[in-house]
Amino acid sequence: MRRNKIKYLQIYEELKQQITNGDYPIGDLLPAEPDLQKQYNVSRITVRHAVQLLVDEGYVQRIHGVGTIVLSQKKSLQLQKLLSFSEENNENSLQSSLISFEEAIPANPVVCSQLDLPKGTMVSCHERLRQYDDIPIGFQRVYCPPFLSLSAEELRAPNVSLYELFRKKGYEVKKAKETIESVVANEKKAKLLKVPKNSPLLYVQRITRDQQDRLIEYAEFFYRGDRYRYHVELQVP
């Protein structure tokens, strides 16, 4: 059972990489399930599990009588669950590296407003670069209030989860508000993300609260528009 689980995840990750690399362009069909069975020497249920993950993330769609068609080559950001980057992206091909960390800087007016802090309050600020197969895909800047102390050593740890750090310090993430819009890359972000200046970026602002309704995070995310898209399921109430 364990071996089957690992195998379908391996197939899923390999197919997804082929899709994002353009081996299967948008509109193309993935190989039929019997062909994938032979290719990977696995059962049909293993193949179906792998393909279903691609369906769930919006990369492909099954069409009866046609096959499995490629819909998108961009990684999808889900909007259903409140997760840190490392929790949402637990693949070996996704990496995160700390660019900078300042333990105490004066909060600018925007940060003061978002975290409901008095003018001149000192906050921590750290920046991270997100990469997929060594290709930069996102830049993140996070501000935290002074009562939530972080260290560069904690943030540099391999596979660190910011929200897990919060939990260990007694701040359980419970809810957040996000604002999403389109912006263009300035010179700094274009250089970090290795895109031309003024390239389109997905810009996300997140304000996070803990179990006692305390504001514990103001984050800014900048994702490459050619690599990411948002995915959300809507239901009639």
Protein backbone atom coordinates (compact mmCIF):
# COMPACT_ATOMS: atom_id res chain seq x y z
CA MET A 1 0.00 0.00 0.00
CA ARG A 2 2.77 2.35 0.93
CA ARG A 3 4.60 1.50 -2.28
CA ASN A 4 1.48 2.24 -4.39
CA LYS A 5 1.03 5.61 -2.72
CA ILE A 6 4.60 6.62 -3.45
CA LYS A 7 4.30 5.39 -7.03
CA TYR A 8 1.18 7.38 -7.91
CA LEU A 9 2.74 10.52 -6.44
CA GLN A 10 5.84 9.94 -8.54
CA ILE A 11 3.71 9.52 -11.68
CA TYR A 12 1.71 12.65 -10.80
CA GLU A 13 4.85 14.74 -10.28
CA GLU A 14 6.46 13.46 -13.49
CA LEU A 15 3.36 14.16 -15.59
CA LYS A 16 2.95 17.59 -14.01
CA GLN A 17 6.55 18.47 -14.77
CA GLN A 18 6.06 17.39 -18.38
CA ILE A 19 2.97 19.59 -18.61
CA THR A 20 4.63 22.67 -17.05
CA ASN A 21 7.71 22.15 -19.24
CA GLY A 22 5.51 22.20 -22.36
CA ASP A 23 5.99 18.55 -23.33
CA TYR A 24 2.17 18.40 -23.37
CA PRO A 25 0.91 21.75 -24.75
CA ILE A 26 -2.50 23.12 -23.81
CA GLY A 27 -5.13 21.24 -25.82
CA ASP A 28 -3.05 18.08 -26.13
CA LEU A 29 -4.19 14.76 -24.75
CA LEU A 30 -2.27 12.85 -22.11
CA PRO A 31 -1.55 9.22 -22.99
CA ALA A 32 -4.51 6.94 -22.37
CA GLU A 33 -4.65 5.16 -19.01
CA PRO A 34 -3.72 1.73 -20.48
CA ASP A 35 -0.65 3.34 -22.10
CA LEU A 36 0.35 4.96 -18.80
CA GLN A 37 -0.10 1.59 -17.08
CA LYS A 38 2.36 -0.02 -19.48
CA GLN A 39 4.75 2.94 -19.36
CA TYR A 40 5.01 2.93 -15.56
CA ASN A 41 4.26 -0.77 -15.00
CA VAL A 42 1.51 -0.05 -12.47
CA SER A 43 -2.16 -0.83 -11.95
CA ARG A 44 -4.98 1.19 -13.46
CA ILE A 45 -6.04 2.48 -10.03
CA THR A 46 -2.52 3.86 -9.47
CA VAL A 47 -2.68 5.74 -12.79
CA ARG A 48 -6.15 7.06 -11.97
CA HIS A 49 -4.96 8.40 -8.60
CA ALA A 50 -2.09 10.24 -10.30
CA VAL A 51 -4.29 11.73 -13.03
CA GLN A 52 -6.97 12.74 -10.51
CA LEU A 53 -4.42 14.90 -8.69
CA LEU A 54 -3.76 16.71 -11.97
CA VAL A 55 -7.51 17.14 -12.46
CA ASP A 56 -7.93 18.49 -8.91
CA GLU A 57 -5.20 21.10 -9.50
CA GLY A 58 -6.68 22.26 -12.81
CA TYR A 59 -3.93 21.01 -15.11
CA VAL A 60 -6.10 18.54 -17.03
CA GLN A 61 -9.72 17.57 -17.57
CA ARG A 62 -11.20 14.17 -18.33
CA ILE A 63 -13.66 14.29 -21.25
CA HIS A 64 -15.78 11.19 -21.85
CA GLY A 65 -15.12 9.71 -25.25
CA VAL A 66 -12.15 11.99 -25.86
CA GLY A 67 -9.54 11.44 -23.15
CA THR A 68 -7.60 13.58 -20.69
CA ILE A 69 -6.91 17.02 -22.14
CA VAL A 70 -4.33 19.54 -20.91
CA LEU A 71 -5.97 22.76 -19.70
CA SER A 72 -3.11 24.71 -18.13
CA GLN A 73 0.67 24.71 -17.78
CA LYS A 74 0.66 27.00 -14.74
CA LYS A 75 0.80 25.88 -11.14
CA SER A 76 -2.47 26.55 -9.34
CA LEU A 77 -2.70 28.33 -5.99
CA GLN A 78 -5.66 27.00 -4.04
CA LEU A 79 -7.99 29.28 -2.10
CA GLN A 80 -9.83 26.73 0.02
CA LYS A 81 -7.33 26.21 2.85
CA LEU A 82 -5.10 28.54 4.84
CA LEU A 83 -1.60 27.07 4.46
CA SER A 84 1.96 28.30 4.48
CA PHE A 85 3.94 27.84 1.26
CA SER A 86 5.81 24.79 2.55
CA GLU A 87 2.55 23.17 3.68
CA GLU A 88 0.81 23.86 0.38
CA ASN A 89 3.79 22.84 -1.75
CA ASN A 90 5.27 19.66 -0.32
CA GLU A 91 7.00 18.53 -3.51
CA ASN A 92 10.75 17.89 -3.66
CA SER A 93 11.03 20.11 -6.75
CA LEU A 94 9.79 23.17 -4.85
CA GLN A 95 12.32 25.08 -2.78
CA SER A 96 12.33 28.18 -0.64
CA SER A 97 15.33 30.28 0.41
CA LEU A 98 15.64 33.16 2.85
CA ILE A 99 16.90 36.33 1.13
CA SER A 100 16.87 38.75 4.03
CA PHE A 101 15.80 39.06 7.66
CA GLU A 102 15.48 42.15 9.84
CA GLU A 103 14.53 41.53 13.43
CA ALA A 104 13.32 45.06 14.14
CA ILE A 105 12.54 47.85 11.66
CA PRO A 106 10.07 50.76 11.95
CA ALA A 107 6.75 49.75 10.42
CA ASN A 108 5.75 51.95 7.50
CA PRO A 109 2.20 53.39 7.40
CA VAL A 110 0.85 50.52 5.31
CA VAL A 111 2.20 47.87 7.69
CA CYS A 112 0.92 49.82 10.72
CA SER A 113 -2.51 49.98 9.12
CA GLN A 114 -2.64 46.30 8.16
CA LEU A 115 -1.42 45.04 11.56
CA ASP A 116 -3.29 47.73 13.53
CA LEU A 117 -0.09 49.03 15.15
CA PRO A 118 0.77 52.51 16.47
CA LYS A 119 2.99 54.71 14.32
CA GLY A 120 6.68 53.92 14.80
CA THR A 121 6.16 50.36 16.07
CA MET A 122 9.11 48.06 15.36
CA VAL A 123 8.30 44.89 13.41
CA SER A 124 10.27 41.99 11.96
CA CYS A 125 10.53 41.58 8.20
CA HIS A 126 11.83 38.69 6.15
CA GLU A 127 11.93 37.99 2.43
CA ARG A 128 11.97 34.63 0.67
CA LEU A 129 12.42 33.44 -2.90
CA ARG A 130 10.33 30.50 -4.07
CA GLN A 131 11.71 28.22 -6.78
CA TYR A 132 10.44 25.30 -8.82
CA ASP A 133 13.17 23.07 -10.28
CA ASP A 134 15.61 25.94 -9.63
CA ILE A 135 13.43 28.40 -11.59
CA PRO A 136 12.25 31.42 -9.53
CA ILE A 137 8.44 31.51 -9.39
CA GLY A 138 7.61 33.74 -6.45
CA PHE A 139 8.88 36.37 -4.01
CA GLN A 140 7.44 36.82 -0.52
CA ARG A 141 7.79 39.56 2.10
CA VAL A 142 6.38 38.98 5.60
CA TYR A 143 5.96 41.45 8.48
CA CYS A 144 5.24 40.25 12.03
CA PRO A 145 4.38 42.31 15.13
CA PRO A 146 6.97 42.69 17.92
CA PHE A 147 5.34 40.21 20.30
CA LEU A 148 5.94 37.39 17.79
CA SER A 149 9.70 36.96 17.78
CA LEU A 150 11.42 35.17 14.91
CA SER A 151 15.09 34.51 14.21
CA ALA A 152 17.12 34.13 11.03
CA GLU A 153 18.24 30.70 12.24
CA GLU A 154 14.62 29.48 12.44
CA LEU A 155 13.73 30.91 9.04
CA ARG A 156 16.78 29.41 7.32
CA ALA A 157 15.98 25.86 8.46
CA PRO A 158 15.37 23.42 5.55
CA ASN A 159 11.68 23.00 4.65
CA VAL A 160 10.70 25.50 7.33
CA SER A 161 6.95 26.15 7.67
CA LEU A 162 6.21 29.66 8.94
CA TYR A 163 2.82 28.64 10.29
CA GLU A 164 4.36 25.70 12.10
CA LEU A 165 6.80 28.16 13.72
CA PHE A 166 3.82 30.27 14.75
CA ARG A 167 2.14 27.21 16.29
CA LYS A 168 5.25 26.32 18.30
CA LYS A 169 5.28 29.85 19.72
CA GLY A 170 1.64 29.58 20.78
CA TYR A 171 0.01 31.42 17.87
CA GLU A 172 -2.36 29.08 16.04
CA VAL A 173 -3.26 30.45 12.61
CA LYS A 174 -7.06 30.47 12.29
CA LYS A 175 -8.10 32.85 9.54
CA ALA A 176 -6.79 35.30 6.99
CA LYS A 177 -7.98 37.87 4.49
CA GLU A 178 -6.41 37.95 1.03
CA THR A 179 -6.50 40.57 -1.69
CA ILE A 180 -5.40 39.53 -5.18
CA GLU A 181 -4.53 41.80 -8.08
CA SER A 182 -2.28 42.08 -11.10
CA VAL A 183 0.88 44.22 -10.99
CA VAL A 184 4.03 44.57 -13.08
CA ALA A 185 7.54 43.65 -11.99
CA ASN A 186 9.80 46.51 -10.95
CA GLU A 187 13.56 46.28 -11.46
CA LYS A 188 14.24 44.43 -8.18
CA LYS A 189 11.50 41.83 -8.58
CA ALA A 190 12.26 41.33 -12.27
CA LYS A 191 15.87 40.53 -11.36
CA LEU A 192 14.89 38.16 -8.52
CA LEU A 193 12.27 36.32 -10.58
CA LYS A 194 14.36 36.38 -13.78
CA VAL A 195 11.70 37.99 -15.92
CA PRO A 196 11.79 41.18 -18.03
CA LYS A 197 10.97 44.41 -16.21
CA ASN A 198 7.23 45.22 -16.33
CA SER A 199 6.30 41.54 -16.74
CA PRO A 200 2.87 40.67 -15.25
CA LEU A 201 2.86 39.35 -11.68
CA LEU A 202 0.11 38.02 -9.43
CA TYR A 203 0.20 40.17 -6.29
CA VAL A 204 -1.38 38.79 -3.12
CA GLN A 205 -1.76 40.59 0.21
CA ARG A 206 -2.54 38.43 3.23
CA ILE A 207 -3.49 39.51 6.75
CA THR A 208 -3.49 36.61 9.21
CA ARG A 209 -5.08 36.21 12.66
CA ASP A 210 -4.53 33.63 15.39
CA GLN A 211 -6.87 31.73 17.71
CA GLN A 212 -7.30 34.83 19.90
CA ASP A 213 -8.03 37.04 16.88
CA ARG A 214 -4.63 38.74 17.14
CA LEU A 215 -3.07 40.07 13.94
CA ILE A 216 0.15 38.08 13.56
CA GLU A 217 1.18 38.46 9.92
CA TYR A 218 1.03 40.87 7.03
CA ALA A 219 2.44 39.18 3.91
CA GLU A 220 2.98 40.24 0.32
CA PHE A 221 3.41 37.60 -2.39
CA PHE A 222 4.56 38.26 -5.94
CA TYR A 223 4.11 35.30 -8.31
CA ARG A 224 5.23 35.12 -11.93
CA GLY A 225 2.18 35.48 -14.13
CA ASP A 226 3.57 32.96 -16.61
CA ARG A 227 3.97 30.32 -13.89
CA TYR A 228 1.03 30.68 -11.52
CA ARG A 229 -2.73 31.03 -11.50
CA TYR A 230 -5.32 30.96 -8.72
CA HIS A 231 -7.85 28.15 -8.48
CA VAL A 232 -11.03 28.29 -6.38
CA GLU A 233 -14.17 26.20 -6.16
CA LEU A 234 -17.44 28.05 -5.61
CA GLN A 235 -20.59 26.53 -4.16
CA VAL A 236 -24.12 27.84 -4.02
CA PRO A 237 -24.98 28.51 -0.33
